[in-house]
Amino acid sequence: MTVTTIATQPIAGQKPGTSGLRKKTPVFMGVHYLENFVQSIFDVVGAAGKTFVLGGDGRYFNDRAAQVILRMAAANGAARIIVGQGALLSTPAASHLIRLNKTDGGIIMSASHNPGGPHEDFGVKFNMPNGGPAPEAVTEAMFDRTTRISEYRIVEAQDIDLSRIGRTHLGDMVVDVVDPVSDYATLMESLFDFDAIRAMFARGFRMRMDSMCAVTGPYAVEILERRLGAAPGTCVNATPLPDFGGMHPDPNPTWAKALMDEMFGPAAPDFGAASDGDGDRNMVVGRGIYVSPSDSLAVLAANAHLAKGYKAGLKGVARSMPTSAAADRVADALGIGKYETPTGWKFFGNLLDAGRATICGEESFGTGSDHVREKDGLWAILLWLNILAVRGESVADILKAHWARFGRNYYSRHDFEAIETARADAMMADLRGRLASLPGAQIEGMTIAAADDFAYTDPVDGSVSLKQGVRILFADGSRIVLRLSGTGTEGATLRVYLERYVAGPDGLDRDAQEALAPVIRAAHALAGITRFTGREAPNVVT
């Protein structure tokens, strides 16, 4: 085995967060760019004698990047790499393999729900030995290393055949190519009542599962059609493609329009679901009714005991701050802990590792539990199926019963994408500068009770996270949250979260955008969205 040390220059660019480093694919394909970042990972976490998991969502450059990472792992002294067949692994499946095999972490190639293709997005992130995303201290160290790197190490070797399951060697390093689906599917079977779900399908229950030409496809086919007996063809867009078939693999009503059209059409099946690029997000739709991620989290928490993996009850429920308070009401009713964290799965990981929470969720279509340390789209879909099978009711009936018991948190997120970063920053700075003067003011007939910039002290490790999003709270329980997201690769994305609570039973069946209309107008007026960004309407409404 010949190890080559190649001189290089530091790379400039975006800091990797807990979601990893994301850039346009041509940037990652540029001279030394991928290599510099991967070497920085190994320089920070160490590779000698260690075992890692490797896989990705199959987007363009996934296969080539995997070969580079394998050769660099060997050059840096790694003992073993467990890689999904074809270099494929969903993010939750990778998390499970890290935990199942007690490895030293894993490298996941994905840009999550962002588009893929030669001119679209690519990403790389490192997950820790607990299976969760690297915390900020680790990603900060990786970023610092990229600014000082002067060389990287790589083995000169032929490509490994990743199409065949089995063991091979790259120099002294063992490479185990594994079925990317089987271990994950077995885990799901241990958590859910597959017999009850299978019987429901046998009685004629119909669903549509849209994997959006992304990595969840093989998992959905194996579990839903083969193990649970759903009709052949239940899983659509089930073959992962490098460009996701031209689709935007983000499971929301805008990008999964074909699914929404079918579920609201005259021949709608009983249940619809979609997953994203790397399999960690989900959208759930009933016949003629859309389930918001916030409501989905609350319903799952209230009914989790119906699944065998959660029959002992939940230790607690955690939600990201922008997510509606619907899950809090369930936690209060169950007498269990409730947690409000900044956006980012690593905050949930601390609570899960400490045994304080069992189920977690984000409004951005991410839900999961303590079975892995990532959000898990297919897990959420299977828990919904388990609940439907046991209760014998429709999605609409379950939602209406839930609202009647707990009240309804009308909720929506408005995304303003690819805003010029300077304009977005100026808007947020202006709003933050006025927060102290807002309490007591009236707008759209509502009185502002409080306004702040959310700060979080982690109850497990004591770390403090500041400026996590501006919150404007109204006396009637309505709420506006504004924050800038870093999940895109162009400009800034402004996310505006809108919430209004109705105790019921009156007013529970209104259209969400209609019910939220005064809150939407208040958000635009308070933040000056059009004045600062030039935008009058969002790109995506969920």
Protein backbone atom coordinates (compact mmCIF):
# COMPACT_ATOMS: atom_id res chain seq x y z
CA MET A 1 0.00 0.00 0.00
CA THR A 2 1.42 3.34 -1.07
CA VAL A 3 0.42 6.32 1.07
CA THR A 4 0.85 9.70 -0.55
CA THR A 5 1.08 12.95 1.36
CA ILE A 6 -0.14 15.79 -0.81
CA ALA A 7 0.61 19.44 -0.12
CA THR A 8 -2.45 21.65 -0.11
CA GLN A 9 -3.77 25.05 0.87
CA PRO A 10 -6.43 25.85 3.51
CA ILE A 11 -9.99 25.91 2.22
CA ALA A 12 -12.21 28.91 2.75
CA GLY A 13 -15.92 28.66 3.14
CA GLN A 14 -18.87 27.96 5.29
CA LYS A 15 -18.41 26.62 8.79
CA PRO A 16 -19.69 23.09 9.20
CA GLY A 17 -22.57 22.97 11.65
CA THR A 18 -24.23 19.92 13.14
CA SER A 19 -25.69 19.36 9.67
CA GLY A 20 -22.17 19.23 8.25
CA LEU A 21 -20.52 21.16 5.46
CA ARG A 22 -22.77 21.87 2.47
CA LYS A 23 -21.69 23.44 -0.79
CA LYS A 24 -22.50 23.23 -4.46
CA THR A 25 -21.30 19.95 -5.92
CA PRO A 26 -18.68 21.57 -8.21
CA VAL A 27 -17.08 23.10 -5.12
CA PHE A 28 -16.69 19.69 -3.48
CA MET A 29 -15.36 18.33 -6.77
CA GLY A 30 -12.77 21.08 -6.96
CA VAL A 31 -9.08 20.42 -6.50
CA HIS A 32 -8.36 19.21 -2.95
CA TYR A 33 -11.66 20.55 -1.51
CA LEU A 34 -13.23 17.26 -0.37
CA GLU A 35 -9.83 15.91 0.62
CA ASN A 36 -9.03 18.93 2.78
CA PHE A 37 -12.27 18.69 4.69
CA VAL A 38 -12.03 14.92 5.20
CA GLN A 39 -8.43 15.23 6.39
CA SER A 40 -9.56 17.91 8.81
CA ILE A 41 -12.15 15.47 10.19
CA PHE A 42 -9.52 12.81 10.73
CA ASP A 43 -7.06 15.32 12.22
CA VAL A 44 -9.67 16.31 14.82
CA VAL A 45 -11.24 12.97 15.76
CA GLY A 46 -8.26 10.73 14.99
CA ALA A 47 -8.38 7.71 12.70
CA ALA A 48 -5.56 5.35 13.70
CA GLY A 49 -6.94 2.00 14.81
CA LYS A 50 -10.55 3.21 14.67
CA THR A 51 -13.72 1.94 13.01
CA PHE A 52 -16.12 4.18 11.13
CA VAL A 53 -19.41 3.88 9.24
CA LEU A 54 -19.60 5.42 5.76
CA GLY A 55 -22.57 6.02 3.48
CA GLY A 56 -24.71 8.64 1.84
CA ASP A 57 -27.97 9.48 0.16
CA GLY A 58 -26.85 8.56 -3.37
CA ARG A 59 -26.81 12.09 -4.74
CA TYR A 60 -24.42 13.07 -7.55
CA PHE A 61 -20.74 12.60 -6.52
CA ASN A 62 -21.74 10.25 -3.66
CA ASP A 63 -20.00 7.27 -5.27
CA ARG A 64 -16.78 9.10 -6.11
CA ALA A 65 -16.58 10.83 -2.74
CA ALA A 66 -16.94 7.46 -1.01
CA GLN A 67 -13.86 6.10 -2.81
CA VAL A 68 -11.82 9.16 -1.82
CA ILE A 69 -12.90 8.90 1.82
CA LEU A 70 -12.06 5.18 1.92
CA ARG A 71 -8.56 5.77 0.56
CA MET A 72 -8.00 8.63 3.00
CA ALA A 73 -9.25 6.55 5.95
CA ALA A 74 -6.75 3.84 5.04
CA ALA A 75 -3.95 6.37 4.70
CA ASN A 76 -4.76 7.77 8.13
CA GLY A 77 -4.58 4.36 9.77
CA ALA A 78 -8.24 3.44 10.22
CA ALA A 79 -8.73 -0.23 11.12
CA ARG A 80 -12.15 -0.80 9.58
CA ILE A 81 -14.85 0.93 7.56
CA ILE A 82 -18.43 -0.33 7.42
CA VAL A 83 -19.95 1.04 4.21
CA GLY A 84 -23.44 0.63 2.81
CA GLN A 85 -23.74 -1.27 -0.47
CA GLY A 86 -23.37 1.17 -3.33
CA ALA A 87 -22.17 3.73 -0.76
CA LEU A 88 -25.82 4.15 0.27
CA LEU A 89 -27.09 4.64 3.81
CA SER A 90 -29.96 6.71 5.07
CA THR A 91 -28.91 9.04 7.86
CA PRO A 92 -30.94 7.20 10.54
CA ALA A 93 -29.64 3.85 9.28
CA ALA A 94 -26.08 5.17 9.54
CA SER A 95 -26.78 6.30 13.10
CA HIS A 96 -28.10 2.82 13.91
CA LEU A 97 -25.04 1.10 12.41
CA ILE A 98 -22.73 3.33 14.45
CA ARG A 99 -24.57 2.37 17.64
CA LEU A 100 -25.10 -1.29 16.73
CA ASN A 101 -21.43 -1.87 15.91
CA LYS A 102 -20.11 0.47 18.65
CA THR A 103 -17.94 2.25 16.12
CA ASP A 104 -15.93 5.43 16.64
CA GLY A 105 -18.35 7.45 14.55
CA GLY A 106 -19.32 7.79 10.94
CA ILE A 107 -19.08 9.98 7.87
CA ILE A 108 -22.36 10.70 6.10
CA MET A 109 -22.44 12.16 2.60
CA SER A 110 -25.61 14.17 2.20
CA ALA A 111 -27.08 17.62 1.82
CA SER A 112 -30.30 16.36 3.43
CA HIS A 113 -33.39 17.72 1.68
CA ASN A 114 -31.49 19.98 -0.75
CA PRO A 115 -31.59 19.21 -4.51
CA GLY A 116 -28.89 17.00 -6.01
CA GLY A 117 -27.11 16.91 -9.35
CA PRO A 118 -23.95 18.11 -11.09
CA HIS A 119 -24.75 21.74 -10.32
CA GLU A 120 -26.80 21.28 -7.16
CA ASP A 121 -25.79 20.50 -3.56
CA PHE A 122 -23.47 18.08 -1.79
CA GLY A 123 -22.51 17.72 1.83
CA VAL A 124 -20.36 15.81 4.31
CA LYS A 125 -20.87 15.50 8.05
CA PHE A 126 -19.37 13.53 10.93
CA ASN A 127 -21.46 11.64 13.48
CA MET A 128 -20.12 10.79 16.91
CA PRO A 129 -19.88 7.35 18.57
CA ASN A 130 -23.36 7.85 20.06
CA GLY A 131 -24.67 8.01 16.48
CA GLY A 132 -25.57 11.69 16.65
CA PRO A 133 -24.22 14.74 14.81
CA ALA A 134 -20.93 16.17 16.02
CA PRO A 135 -21.47 18.93 18.62
CA GLU A 136 -20.44 22.50 18.00
CA ALA A 137 -17.11 22.16 19.80
CA VAL A 138 -16.08 19.38 17.40
CA THR A 139 -17.32 21.10 14.23
CA GLU A 140 -15.61 24.32 15.32
CA ALA A 141 -12.34 22.37 15.69
CA MET A 142 -12.84 20.90 12.20
CA PHE A 143 -13.43 24.33 10.74
CA ASP A 144 -10.35 25.70 12.46
CA ARG A 145 -8.30 22.84 11.07
CA THR A 146 -9.48 23.60 7.49
CA THR A 147 -8.05 27.12 7.86
CA ARG A 148 -4.58 25.77 8.75
CA ILE A 149 -4.29 22.51 6.83
CA SER A 150 -1.16 22.12 4.69
CA GLU A 151 -1.33 18.47 3.58
CA TYR A 152 -3.56 15.43 3.39
CA ARG A 153 -2.88 11.69 3.23
CA ILE A 154 -4.37 9.31 0.67
CA VAL A 155 -3.69 5.78 -0.53
CA GLU A 156 -2.88 5.13 -4.17
CA ALA A 157 -5.20 2.23 -5.00
CA GLN A 158 -7.92 0.99 -7.30
CA ASP A 159 -11.55 1.61 -6.39
CA ILE A 160 -13.21 -0.80 -4.00
CA ASP A 161 -16.16 -2.67 -5.51
CA LEU A 162 -18.98 -1.32 -3.37
CA SER A 163 -21.67 -3.11 -5.36
CA ARG A 164 -20.95 -6.47 -3.71
CA ILE A 165 -21.71 -7.25 -0.07
CA GLY A 166 -18.74 -8.74 1.74
CA ARG A 167 -15.33 -8.06 3.22
CA THR A 168 -12.30 -6.79 1.38
CA HIS A 169 -9.12 -4.92 2.31
CA LEU A 170 -7.60 -1.61 1.36
CA GLY A 171 -4.03 -2.01 2.51
CA ASP A 172 -4.25 -2.88 6.20
CA MET A 173 -7.79 -1.52 6.54
CA VAL A 174 -10.82 -3.82 6.51
CA VAL A 175 -13.73 -2.68 4.33
CA ASP A 176 -17.06 -4.35 5.10
CA VAL A 177 -19.73 -3.67 2.49
CA VAL A 178 -23.10 -4.32 4.15
CA ASP A 179 -26.75 -4.39 3.15
CA PRO A 180 -27.83 -0.83 3.94
CA VAL A 181 -31.41 -1.86 4.76
CA SER A 182 -31.47 -5.13 6.73
CA ASP A 183 -30.20 -4.02 10.15
CA TYR A 184 -32.43 -0.94 10.10
CA ALA A 185 -35.48 -2.98 9.06
CA THR A 186 -34.84 -5.42 11.92
CA LEU A 187 -34.69 -2.50 14.34
CA MET A 188 -38.05 -1.22 13.10
CA GLU A 189 -39.58 -4.68 13.54
CA SER A 190 -38.45 -4.66 17.17
CA LEU A 191 -40.20 -1.33 17.83
CA PHE A 192 -43.53 -1.74 16.05
CA ASP A 193 -46.34 -4.29 15.89
CA PHE A 194 -45.70 -5.57 12.39
CA ASP A 195 -48.44 -8.22 12.80
CA ALA A 196 -51.09 -5.55 13.44
CA ILE A 197 -49.90 -3.40 10.54
CA ARG A 198 -49.73 -6.43 8.25
CA ALA A 199 -53.29 -7.35 9.17
CA MET A 200 -54.44 -3.79 8.43
CA PHE A 201 -52.95 -3.97 4.94
CA ALA A 202 -54.54 -7.40 4.45
CA ARG A 203 -57.94 -5.85 5.20
CA GLY A 204 -57.51 -3.49 2.25
CA PHE A 205 -55.81 -0.48 3.82
CA ARG A 206 -54.11 1.54 1.08
CA MET A 207 -51.25 4.02 1.24
CA ARG A 208 -48.88 5.93 -1.00
CA MET A 209 -45.25 6.27 0.06
CA ASP A 210 -43.26 8.81 -1.95
CA SER A 211 -39.51 8.50 -1.46
CA MET A 212 -38.86 11.34 -3.94
CA CYS A 213 -36.19 9.34 -5.85
CA ALA A 214 -34.03 9.48 -2.73
CA VAL A 215 -32.44 7.07 -0.32
CA THR A 216 -35.55 5.96 1.61
CA GLY A 217 -36.86 4.08 -1.42
CA PRO A 218 -35.13 0.73 -0.79
CA TYR A 219 -36.01 0.90 2.91
CA ALA A 220 -39.68 1.63 2.17
CA VAL A 221 -39.98 -1.17 -0.39
CA GLU A 222 -38.37 -3.73 1.93
CA ILE A 223 -40.39 -2.80 5.00
CA LEU A 224 -43.75 -1.70 3.60
CA GLU A 225 -44.19 -3.97 0.59
CA ARG A 226 -42.11 -7.03 1.48
CA ARG A 227 -42.34 -7.28 5.27
CA LEU A 228 -45.72 -5.64 5.89
CA GLY A 229 -47.55 -6.76 2.75
CA ALA A 230 -48.54 -3.39 1.30
CA ALA A 231 -49.63 -3.72 -2.32
CA PRO A 232 -46.86 -3.67 -4.93
CA GLY A 233 -46.50 -0.14 -6.20
CA THR A 234 -47.36 1.39 -2.82
CA CYS A 235 -43.86 2.88 -2.80
CA VAL A 236 -43.39 5.38 -5.63
CA ASN A 237 -40.22 7.19 -6.73
CA ALA A 238 -38.45 4.42 -4.84
CA THR A 239 -35.20 4.21 -6.84
CA PRO A 240 -32.49 6.57 -5.56
CA LEU A 241 -31.17 8.71 -8.41
CA PRO A 242 -28.12 11.02 -8.44
CA ASP A 243 -30.30 14.03 -9.30
CA PHE A 244 -33.38 12.75 -7.43
CA GLY A 245 -35.10 12.56 -10.81
CA GLY A 246 -35.11 16.32 -10.96
CA MET A 247 -37.22 16.45 -7.81
CA HIS A 248 -36.57 18.62 -4.78
CA PRO A 249 -36.46 15.89 -2.12
CA ASP A 250 -38.04 17.96 0.65
CA PRO A 251 -41.24 16.34 1.98
CA ASN A 252 -43.62 19.25 2.32
CA PRO A 253 -46.86 20.21 0.56
CA THR A 254 -45.00 22.38 -1.98
CA TRP A 255 -42.40 19.90 -3.18
CA ALA A 256 -44.48 16.75 -2.68
CA LYS A 257 -47.36 18.20 -4.68
CA ALA A 258 -48.14 14.96 -6.52
CA LEU A 259 -48.70 13.21 -3.20
CA MET A 260 -50.87 16.06 -1.92
CA ASP A 261 -52.95 16.04 -5.11
CA GLU A 262 -53.58 12.32 -4.77
CA MET A 263 -54.44 12.50 -1.06
CA PHE A 264 -56.96 15.27 -1.70
CA GLY A 265 -58.35 13.65 -4.86
CA PRO A 266 -61.45 11.51 -5.38
CA ALA A 267 -59.56 8.19 -5.27
CA ALA A 268 -57.29 9.03 -2.32
CA PRO A 269 -55.80 6.11 -0.39
CA ASP A 270 -56.14 5.91 3.40
CA PHE A 271 -52.68 7.23 4.19
CA GLY A 272 -49.90 9.11 2.46
CA ALA A 273 -46.30 9.80 3.42
CA ALA A 274 -43.08 11.15 1.96
CA SER A 275 -39.45 11.24 2.98
CA ASP A 276 -36.49 13.40 2.04
CA GLY A 277 -33.06 13.08 0.44
CA ASP A 278 -31.29 11.28 3.28
CA GLY A 279 -34.31 9.71 4.96
CA ASP A 280 -34.44 11.69 8.18
CA ARG A 281 -37.57 13.79 7.46
CA ASN A 282 -41.18 12.85 6.88
CA MET A 283 -44.52 14.25 5.83
CA VAL A 284 -47.78 12.56 6.81
CA VAL A 285 -51.11 13.10 5.04
CA GLY A 286 -54.49 11.50 5.62
CA ARG A 287 -57.30 11.23 3.11
CA GLY A 288 -58.28 14.87 2.62
CA ILE A 289 -56.25 16.14 5.59
CA TYR A 290 -52.67 17.34 6.00
CA VAL A 291 -50.83 16.67 9.28
CA SER A 292 -48.44 19.45 10.27
CA PRO A 293 -45.12 18.28 11.73
CA SER A 294 -46.00 19.93 15.06
CA ASP A 295 -49.34 18.09 15.23
CA SER A 296 -47.66 14.87 14.13
CA LEU A 297 -45.17 15.08 17.02
CA ALA A 298 -48.00 15.67 19.49
CA VAL A 299 -50.14 12.81 18.17
CA LEU A 300 -47.19 10.40 18.16
CA ALA A 301 -46.31 11.35 21.75
CA ALA A 302 -49.92 10.87 22.88
CA ASN A 303 -50.21 7.44 21.22
CA ALA A 304 -46.68 6.00 21.34
CA HIS A 305 -47.68 3.51 24.06
CA LEU A 306 -49.67 1.63 21.37
CA ALA A 307 -46.36 0.46 19.82
CA LYS A 308 -44.50 -2.32 21.58
CA GLY A 309 -41.23 -0.40 21.73
CA TYR A 310 -42.89 2.36 23.77
CA LYS A 311 -45.54 0.46 25.77
CA ALA A 312 -43.81 1.38 29.05
CA GLY A 313 -44.47 5.04 28.32
CA LEU A 314 -42.25 8.00 27.53
CA LYS A 315 -39.59 9.59 29.72
CA GLY A 316 -40.15 12.99 28.18
CA VAL A 317 -40.88 14.90 25.00
CA ALA A 318 -38.54 17.46 23.45
CA ARG A 319 -39.23 19.93 20.66
CA SER A 320 -37.25 22.62 18.93
CA MET A 321 -38.21 26.15 19.94
CA PRO A 322 -39.86 27.01 16.59
CA THR A 323 -42.08 23.91 16.84
CA SER A 324 -45.57 24.55 18.17
CA ALA A 325 -46.42 23.96 21.83
CA ALA A 326 -48.86 21.14 20.95
CA ALA A 327 -46.45 18.49 22.26
CA ASP A 328 -46.07 20.41 25.55
CA ARG A 329 -49.78 19.92 26.23
CA VAL A 330 -49.40 16.18 25.73
CA ALA A 331 -46.40 16.04 28.07
CA ASP A 332 -48.34 17.92 30.73
CA ALA A 333 -51.27 15.50 30.42
CA LEU A 334 -48.93 12.51 30.67
CA GLY A 335 -47.03 13.99 33.60
CA ILE A 336 -43.66 13.66 31.87
CA GLY A 337 -40.83 16.08 31.13
CA LYS A 338 -41.07 18.62 28.34
CA TYR A 339 -38.11 20.41 26.77
CA GLU A 340 -37.79 23.35 24.39
CA THR A 341 -34.41 23.40 22.64
CA PRO A 342 -32.71 25.34 19.87
CA THR A 343 -32.99 23.95 16.37
CA GLY A 344 -30.44 21.17 15.84
CA TRP A 345 -30.62 17.47 16.62
CA LYS A 346 -27.53 17.52 18.85
CA PHE A 347 -29.57 19.24 21.57
CA PHE A 348 -32.00 16.33 21.51
CA GLY A 349 -29.07 13.91 21.58
CA ASN A 350 -27.99 15.19 24.97
CA LEU A 351 -31.50 14.69 26.38
CA LEU A 352 -31.80 11.23 24.81
CA ASP A 353 -28.39 10.11 26.08
CA ALA A 354 -29.29 11.34 29.57
CA GLY A 355 -32.58 9.44 29.56
CA ARG A 356 -34.66 12.59 29.93
CA ALA A 357 -36.58 12.35 26.66
CA THR A 358 -37.87 9.49 24.50
CA ILE A 359 -39.48 11.28 21.54
CA CYS A 360 -38.26 14.47 19.89
CA GLY A 361 -39.38 16.59 16.99
CA GLU A 362 -38.74 19.65 14.88
CA GLU A 363 -41.26 21.61 12.87
CA SER A 364 -39.06 21.10 9.80
CA PHE A 365 -40.54 17.62 9.27
CA GLY A 366 -38.07 15.86 11.57
CA THR A 367 -39.22 13.38 14.22
CA GLY A 368 -37.38 10.65 16.09
CA SER A 369 -36.85 8.77 19.32
CA ASP A 370 -34.14 7.23 21.44
CA HIS A 371 -33.74 4.28 19.03
CA VAL A 372 -31.10 6.31 17.12
CA ARG A 373 -29.56 9.77 17.52
CA GLU A 374 -30.93 11.29 14.33
CA LYS A 375 -34.41 12.18 13.22
CA ASP A 376 -35.95 9.30 11.32
CA GLY A 377 -38.56 9.72 8.62
CA LEU A 378 -39.55 6.11 8.10
CA TRP A 379 -39.72 5.51 11.87
CA ALA A 380 -42.34 8.27 12.17
CA ILE A 381 -44.33 6.83 9.26
CA LEU A 382 -44.28 3.35 10.82
CA LEU A 383 -45.39 4.70 14.20
CA TRP A 384 -48.33 6.38 12.48
CA LEU A 385 -49.19 3.07 10.79
CA ASN A 386 -48.97 1.27 14.15
CA ILE A 387 -51.36 3.80 15.70
CA LEU A 388 -53.80 3.53 12.79
CA ALA A 389 -53.72 -0.27 12.98
CA VAL A 390 -54.43 -0.39 16.72
CA ARG A 391 -57.02 2.40 16.88
CA GLY A 392 -58.83 1.42 13.69
CA GLU A 393 -59.60 5.05 12.91
CA SER A 394 -58.72 7.36 10.04
CA VAL A 395 -56.03 10.03 10.22
CA ALA A 396 -58.73 12.70 10.24
CA ASP A 397 -60.60 11.06 13.12
CA ILE A 398 -57.42 10.72 15.17
CA LEU A 399 -56.50 14.37 14.59
CA LYS A 400 -59.97 15.64 15.47
CA ALA A 401 -60.08 13.57 18.65
CA HIS A 402 -56.65 14.89 19.58
CA TRP A 403 -57.70 18.52 19.07
CA ALA A 404 -60.89 17.99 21.02
CA ARG A 405 -58.88 16.74 23.99
CA PHE A 406 -55.85 19.04 23.88
CA GLY A 407 -57.00 22.02 21.82
CA ARG A 408 -55.44 23.00 18.51
CA ASN A 409 -52.26 24.94 17.87
CA TYR A 410 -52.84 26.39 14.40
CA TYR A 411 -49.38 26.54 12.95
CA SER A 412 -47.49 27.34 9.75
CA ARG A 413 -43.99 28.11 8.54
CA HIS A 414 -43.29 30.63 5.79
CA ASP A 415 -39.90 30.34 4.07
CA PHE A 416 -38.34 33.22 2.17
CA GLU A 417 -35.45 31.55 0.33
CA ALA A 418 -32.19 32.81 -1.19
CA ILE A 419 -32.42 36.29 0.31
CA GLU A 420 -29.31 38.43 -0.02
CA THR A 421 -27.50 37.68 3.23
CA ALA A 422 -26.76 41.32 4.06
CA ARG A 423 -30.45 42.22 3.74
CA ALA A 424 -31.55 39.31 5.93
CA ASP A 425 -28.96 40.16 8.57
CA ALA A 426 -30.01 43.82 8.55
CA MET A 427 -33.65 42.87 9.09
CA MET A 428 -32.84 40.63 12.05
CA ALA A 429 -30.51 43.23 13.56
CA ASP A 430 -33.20 45.89 13.31
CA LEU A 431 -35.79 43.61 14.92
CA ARG A 432 -33.46 42.59 17.73
CA GLY A 433 -32.76 46.25 18.41
CA ARG A 434 -36.47 46.90 19.00
CA LEU A 435 -37.38 43.88 21.13
CA ALA A 436 -37.31 45.71 24.47
CA SER A 437 -39.86 48.25 23.22
CA LEU A 438 -42.42 45.73 21.92
CA PRO A 439 -44.14 44.38 25.08
CA GLY A 440 -47.44 46.13 25.64
CA ALA A 441 -47.82 47.21 22.02
CA GLN A 442 -50.92 46.25 20.07
CA ILE A 443 -51.00 45.04 16.50
CA GLU A 444 -53.78 43.39 14.51
CA GLY A 445 -55.95 43.51 17.64
CA MET A 446 -53.41 41.49 19.65
CA THR A 447 -51.31 42.64 22.59
CA ILE A 448 -47.62 41.71 22.67
CA ALA A 449 -46.89 40.12 26.05
CA ALA A 450 -43.17 39.44 25.63
CA ALA A 451 -40.40 39.55 23.03
CA ASP A 452 -36.93 38.05 23.26
CA ASP A 453 -34.06 36.36 21.46
CA PHE A 454 -34.27 32.74 22.57
CA ALA A 455 -31.35 31.53 24.69
CA TYR A 456 -30.94 27.95 25.89
CA THR A 457 -29.01 26.47 28.79
CA ASP A 458 -28.57 22.75 28.20
CA PRO A 459 -29.83 20.88 31.31
CA VAL A 460 -27.36 18.06 30.67
CA ASP A 461 -24.00 19.71 29.96
CA GLY A 462 -24.72 23.30 31.01
CA SER A 463 -23.72 24.76 27.65
CA VAL A 464 -25.39 28.02 26.65
CA SER A 465 -26.67 28.80 23.15
CA LEU A 466 -27.58 32.42 22.44
CA LYS A 467 -29.51 34.16 19.65
CA GLN A 468 -31.46 31.10 18.58
CA GLY A 469 -34.40 32.99 17.12
CA VAL A 470 -36.53 36.03 17.85
CA ARG A 471 -39.78 35.24 19.67
CA ILE A 472 -42.78 37.55 19.87
CA LEU A 473 -45.41 36.25 22.28
CA PHE A 474 -48.97 37.59 22.42
CA ALA A 475 -51.32 37.71 25.38
CA ASP A 476 -53.81 35.35 23.70
CA GLY A 477 -51.18 32.61 23.28
CA SER A 478 -50.34 33.43 19.67
CA ARG A 479 -46.67 33.47 18.74
CA ILE A 480 -44.29 34.59 16.00
CA VAL A 481 -40.74 33.26 15.65
CA LEU A 482 -38.22 34.53 13.10
CA ARG A 483 -34.83 33.01 12.42
CA LEU A 484 -32.33 32.62 9.62
CA SER A 485 -31.54 29.09 8.49
CA GLY A 486 -28.16 27.84 7.33
CA THR A 487 -29.36 24.70 5.52
CA GLY A 488 -29.18 26.26 2.05
CA THR A 489 -26.12 26.93 -0.07
CA GLU A 490 -27.18 30.26 -1.59
CA GLY A 491 -27.91 33.42 0.37
CA ALA A 492 -30.04 33.23 3.52
CA THR A 493 -33.38 31.60 4.19
CA LEU A 494 -35.74 33.52 6.47
CA ARG A 495 -38.08 31.22 8.32
CA VAL A 496 -41.17 32.77 9.90
CA TYR A 497 -43.08 30.52 12.30
CA LEU A 498 -46.69 31.40 13.08
CA GLU A 499 -48.83 29.92 15.85
CA ARG A 500 -52.30 30.49 17.30
CA TYR A 501 -53.90 28.33 20.01
CA VAL A 502 -57.62 27.54 20.08
CA ALA A 503 -58.87 25.63 23.10
CA GLY A 504 -61.92 24.21 21.33
CA PRO A 505 -64.34 22.79 20.64
CA ASP A 506 -65.21 25.81 18.49
CA GLY A 507 -62.89 26.86 15.69
CA LEU A 508 -60.97 23.59 15.37
CA ASP A 509 -61.74 22.96 11.69
CA ARG A 510 -60.65 26.22 10.10
CA ASP A 511 -58.06 26.47 7.35
CA ALA A 512 -54.69 27.09 9.01
CA GLN A 513 -53.70 30.06 6.85
CA GLU A 514 -57.10 31.64 7.44
CA ALA A 515 -56.89 31.13 11.19
CA LEU A 516 -53.38 32.57 11.22
CA ALA A 517 -54.13 35.57 8.98
CA PRO A 518 -53.81 38.26 11.71
CA VAL A 519 -50.61 36.66 13.00
CA ILE A 520 -49.16 36.61 9.46
CA ARG A 521 -49.97 40.30 8.96
CA ALA A 522 -48.42 41.13 12.33
CA ALA A 523 -45.20 39.28 11.46
CA HIS A 524 -44.76 41.21 8.20
CA ALA A 525 -45.44 44.53 9.89
CA LEU A 526 -43.23 43.94 12.95
CA ALA A 527 -40.21 42.65 11.02
CA GLY A 528 -40.56 44.84 7.92
CA ILE A 529 -40.07 41.79 5.72
CA THR A 530 -40.95 43.51 2.44
CA ARG A 531 -39.01 46.66 3.29
CA PHE A 532 -35.81 44.77 4.04
CA THR A 533 -35.98 41.83 1.64
CA GLY A 534 -38.17 43.05 -1.20
CA ARG A 535 -40.32 39.94 -0.77
CA GLU A 536 -44.08 40.16 -0.28
CA ALA A 537 -44.80 36.42 -0.20
CA PRO A 538 -42.87 33.32 0.89
CA ASN A 539 -41.39 30.76 -1.50
CA VAL A 540 -42.68 27.83 0.55
CA VAL A 541 -45.61 27.59 2.95
CA THR A 542 -45.85 24.54 5.23
